[in-house]
Amino acid sequence: MADEEAADGEVLVVRIYLHEAEHGRRKSLMREVLSLLGTQHRVGWLVVFRGIAGLDESGEVDETDILRMVSDLPLAIEFFDSPAVARAAIASLAGLVPPSHILCWRATRAHTPNA
């Protein structure tokens, strides 16, 4: 986090919405996004949340169907880093993830006062 904006603890939090069944160019879209963020951008503090159910853009409910062993649950990939690193990571997702599936907001790291 070398940029000046991050000096005061300011970060950009990014959340990417996907589905388990979505595929990227060579592997699952989730794995492709994780590889890009971890290898190329080395973003900090990345986590994947797996929903138990969700609505897609058409309003259809996506949930696990245990009887048919089908799983296309919603996923949310979330990370934070300096604004410059996060913006570069978002730009590199163009063509992989629709821009409408990416949210971001500014946040401030909590600091523990020195004892």
C-alpha atoms as a PDB file:
ATOM      1  CA  MET A   1       0.000   0.000   0.000  1.00  0.00           C
ATOM      2  CA  ALA A   2       2.412   2.587  -1.178  1.00  0.00           C
ATOM      3  CA  ASP A   3       0.005   5.215  -2.465  1.00  0.00           C
ATOM      4  CA  GLU A   4      -0.608   8.316  -0.378  1.00  0.00           C
ATOM      5  CA  GLU A   5      -4.363   7.711  -0.055  1.00  0.00           C
ATOM      6  CA  ALA A   6      -3.681   4.564   1.985  1.00  0.00           C
ATOM      7  CA  ALA A   7      -1.393   6.327   4.453  1.00  0.00           C
ATOM      8  CA  ASP A   8      -4.306   7.201   6.750  1.00  0.00           C
ATOM      9  CA  GLY A   9      -5.668   3.650   6.695  1.00  0.00           C
ATOM     10  CA  GLU A  10      -8.077   4.232   3.820  1.00  0.00           C
ATOM     11  CA  VAL A  11      -8.825   1.158   1.719  1.00  0.00           C
ATOM     12  CA  LEU A  12     -11.201   0.203  -1.053  1.00  0.00           C
ATOM     13  CA  VAL A  13     -13.415  -2.813  -0.312  1.00  0.00           C
ATOM     14  CA  VAL A  14     -14.479  -4.745  -3.419  1.00  0.00           C
ATOM     15  CA  ARG A  15     -17.217  -7.373  -3.658  1.00  0.00           C
ATOM     16  CA  ILE A  16     -17.726  -9.493  -6.786  1.00  0.00           C
ATOM     17  CA  TYR A  17     -20.938 -11.487  -7.284  1.00  0.00           C
ATOM     18  CA  LEU A  18     -20.746 -14.807  -9.173  1.00  0.00           C
ATOM     19  CA  HIS A  19     -22.407 -18.225  -9.374  1.00  0.00           C
ATOM     20  CA  GLU A  20     -20.650 -21.536  -8.742  1.00  0.00           C
ATOM     21  CA  ALA A  21     -21.517 -22.862 -12.207  1.00  0.00           C
ATOM     22  CA  GLU A  22     -20.041 -19.890 -14.114  1.00  0.00           C
ATOM     23  CA  HIS A  23     -16.975 -20.678 -16.167  1.00  0.00           C
ATOM     24  CA  GLY A  24     -14.060 -18.492 -17.104  1.00  0.00           C
ATOM     25  CA  ARG A  25     -11.752 -18.904 -20.059  1.00  0.00           C
ATOM     26  CA  ARG A  26     -10.017 -22.074 -18.826  1.00  0.00           C
ATOM     27  CA  LYS A  27     -11.517 -22.994 -15.435  1.00  0.00           C
ATOM     28  CA  SER A  28     -14.291 -22.006 -13.060  1.00  0.00           C
ATOM     29  CA  LEU A  29     -14.813 -18.265 -13.018  1.00  0.00           C
ATOM     30  CA  MET A  30     -14.272 -18.152  -9.256  1.00  0.00           C
ATOM     31  CA  ARG A  31     -10.862 -19.843  -9.568  1.00  0.00           C
ATOM     32  CA  GLU A  32      -9.902 -17.614 -12.478  1.00  0.00           C
ATOM     33  CA  VAL A  33     -10.809 -14.474 -10.506  1.00  0.00           C
ATOM     34  CA  LEU A  34      -8.950 -15.735  -7.417  1.00  0.00           C
ATOM     35  CA  SER A  35      -5.874 -16.508  -9.489  1.00  0.00           C
ATOM     36  CA  LEU A  36      -5.912 -13.078 -11.120  1.00  0.00           C
ATOM     37  CA  LEU A  37      -6.374 -11.232  -7.831  1.00  0.00           C
ATOM     38  CA  GLY A  38      -3.831 -13.296  -5.919  1.00  0.00           C
ATOM     39  CA  THR A  39      -1.116 -13.719  -8.533  1.00  0.00           C
ATOM     40  CA  GLN A  40      -1.247 -10.607 -10.670  1.00  0.00           C
ATOM     41  CA  HIS A  41      -2.425  -8.048  -8.092  1.00  0.00           C
ATOM     42  CA  ARG A  42      -1.466  -9.726  -4.811  1.00  0.00           C
ATOM     43  CA  VAL A  43      -4.497  -8.211  -3.117  1.00  0.00           C
ATOM     44  CA  GLY A  44      -4.734  -8.513   0.632  1.00  0.00           C
ATOM     45  CA  TRP A  45      -7.422 -10.112   2.711  1.00  0.00           C
ATOM     46  CA  LEU A  46      -9.461 -11.974   0.129  1.00  0.00           C
ATOM     47  CA  VAL A  47     -12.379 -14.222   1.105  1.00  0.00           C
ATOM     48  CA  VAL A  48     -15.095 -16.129  -0.779  1.00  0.00           C
ATOM     49  CA  PHE A  49     -18.587 -16.320   0.693  1.00  0.00           C
ATOM     50  CA  ARG A  50     -20.925 -19.092  -0.488  1.00  0.00           C
ATOM     51  CA  GLY A  51     -24.611 -18.326  -0.198  1.00  0.00           C
ATOM     52  CA  ILE A  52     -27.218 -20.917   0.674  1.00  0.00           C
ATOM     53  CA  ALA A  53     -29.681 -19.320  -1.752  1.00  0.00           C
ATOM     54  CA  GLY A  54     -30.053 -16.184  -3.805  1.00  0.00           C
ATOM     55  CA  LEU A  55     -31.912 -14.420  -6.601  1.00  0.00           C
ATOM     56  CA  ASP A  56     -30.319 -14.003 -10.008  1.00  0.00           C
ATOM     57  CA  GLU A  57     -30.898 -11.091 -12.397  1.00  0.00           C
ATOM     58  CA  SER A  58     -34.084 -12.696 -13.738  1.00  0.00           C
ATOM     59  CA  GLY A  59     -35.536 -13.006 -10.236  1.00  0.00           C
ATOM     60  CA  GLU A  60     -35.165 -16.791 -10.228  1.00  0.00           C
ATOM     61  CA  VAL A  61     -34.164 -18.401  -6.931  1.00  0.00           C
ATOM     62  CA  ASP A  62     -30.856 -20.278  -7.005  1.00  0.00           C
ATOM     63  CA  GLU A  63     -30.404 -22.901  -4.316  1.00  0.00           C
ATOM     64  CA  THR A  64     -28.962 -26.352  -3.789  1.00  0.00           C
ATOM     65  CA  ASP A  65     -31.083 -29.220  -5.064  1.00  0.00           C
ATOM     66  CA  ILE A  66     -30.022 -32.160  -2.909  1.00  0.00           C
ATOM     67  CA  LEU A  67     -32.229 -34.622  -4.778  1.00  0.00           C
ATOM     68  CA  ARG A  68     -30.511 -33.905  -8.092  1.00  0.00           C
ATOM     69  CA  MET A  69     -27.092 -33.080  -6.590  1.00  0.00           C
ATOM     70  CA  VAL A  70     -27.102 -29.797  -8.503  1.00  0.00           C
ATOM     71  CA  SER A  71     -25.349 -26.827  -7.000  1.00  0.00           C
ATOM     72  CA  ASP A  72     -25.261 -23.374  -8.567  1.00  0.00           C
ATOM     73  CA  LEU A  73     -25.164 -21.283  -5.440  1.00  0.00           C
ATOM     74  CA  PRO A  74     -24.349 -17.600  -5.362  1.00  0.00           C
ATOM     75  CA  LEU A  75     -20.779 -16.622  -4.489  1.00  0.00           C
ATOM     76  CA  ALA A  76     -19.364 -13.329  -3.289  1.00  0.00           C
ATOM     77  CA  ILE A  77     -15.625 -12.701  -3.514  1.00  0.00           C
ATOM     78  CA  GLU A  78     -14.562  -9.867  -1.250  1.00  0.00           C
ATOM     79  CA  PHE A  79     -11.189  -8.200  -0.766  1.00  0.00           C
ATOM     80  CA  PHE A  80      -9.705  -4.916   0.315  1.00  0.00           C
ATOM     81  CA  ASP A  81      -6.478  -3.134  -0.453  1.00  0.00           C
ATOM     82  CA  SER A  82      -5.187   0.348  -1.141  1.00  0.00           C
ATOM     83  CA  PRO A  83      -7.424   2.280  -3.539  1.00  0.00           C
ATOM     84  CA  ALA A  84      -4.783   2.098  -6.300  1.00  0.00           C
ATOM     85  CA  VAL A  85      -4.344  -1.684  -6.046  1.00  0.00           C
ATOM     86  CA  ALA A  86      -8.106  -2.285  -5.802  1.00  0.00           C
ATOM     87  CA  ARG A  87      -8.848  -0.084  -8.836  1.00  0.00           C
ATOM     88  CA  ALA A  88      -6.184  -1.885 -10.895  1.00  0.00           C
ATOM     89  CA  ALA A  89      -7.676  -5.247  -9.865  1.00  0.00           C
ATOM     90  CA  ILE A  90     -11.187  -4.112 -10.853  1.00  0.00           C
ATOM     91  CA  ALA A  91      -9.907  -2.924 -14.249  1.00  0.00           C
ATOM     92  CA  SER A  92      -8.265  -6.305 -14.891  1.00  0.00           C
ATOM     93  CA  LEU A  93     -11.601  -8.086 -14.339  1.00  0.00           C
ATOM     94  CA  ALA A  94     -13.079  -6.466 -17.474  1.00  0.00           C
ATOM     95  CA  GLY A  95     -14.126  -9.194 -19.877  1.00  0.00           C
ATOM     96  CA  LEU A  96     -14.358 -11.786 -17.090  1.00  0.00           C
ATOM     97  CA  VAL A  97     -16.999 -10.313 -14.796  1.00  0.00           C
ATOM     98  CA  PRO A  98     -19.795  -7.948 -15.855  1.00  0.00           C
ATOM     99  CA  PRO A  99     -19.225  -4.495 -14.300  1.00  0.00           C
ATOM    100  CA  SER A 100     -22.715  -4.644 -12.765  1.00  0.00           C
ATOM    101  CA  HIS A 101     -21.534  -7.613 -10.635  1.00  0.00           C
ATOM    102  CA  ILE A 102     -18.772  -5.608  -8.939  1.00  0.00           C
ATOM    103  CA  LEU A 103     -19.379  -3.265  -6.016  1.00  0.00           C
ATOM    104  CA  CYS A 104     -16.806  -1.188  -4.167  1.00  0.00           C
ATOM    105  CA  TRP A 105     -16.748   1.277  -1.331  1.00  0.00           C
ATOM    106  CA  ARG A 106     -14.199   3.174   0.723  1.00  0.00           C
ATOM    107  CA  ALA A 107     -13.433   2.084   4.256  1.00  0.00           C
ATOM    108  CA  THR A 108     -10.900   2.897   6.938  1.00  0.00           C
ATOM    109  CA  ARG A 109      -8.810   0.337   8.777  1.00  0.00           C
ATOM    110  CA  ALA A 110      -9.424   0.336  12.506  1.00  0.00           C
ATOM    111  CA  HIS A 111      -6.302   1.272  14.418  1.00  0.00           C
ATOM    112  CA  THR A 112      -5.502   0.080  17.897  1.00  0.00           C
ATOM    113  CA  PRO A 113      -4.230   2.951  20.027  1.00  0.00           C
ATOM    114  CA  ASN A 114      -0.738   2.472  21.439  1.00  0.00           C
ATOM    115  CA  ALA A 115      -0.778   1.480  25.075  1.00  0.00           C
END
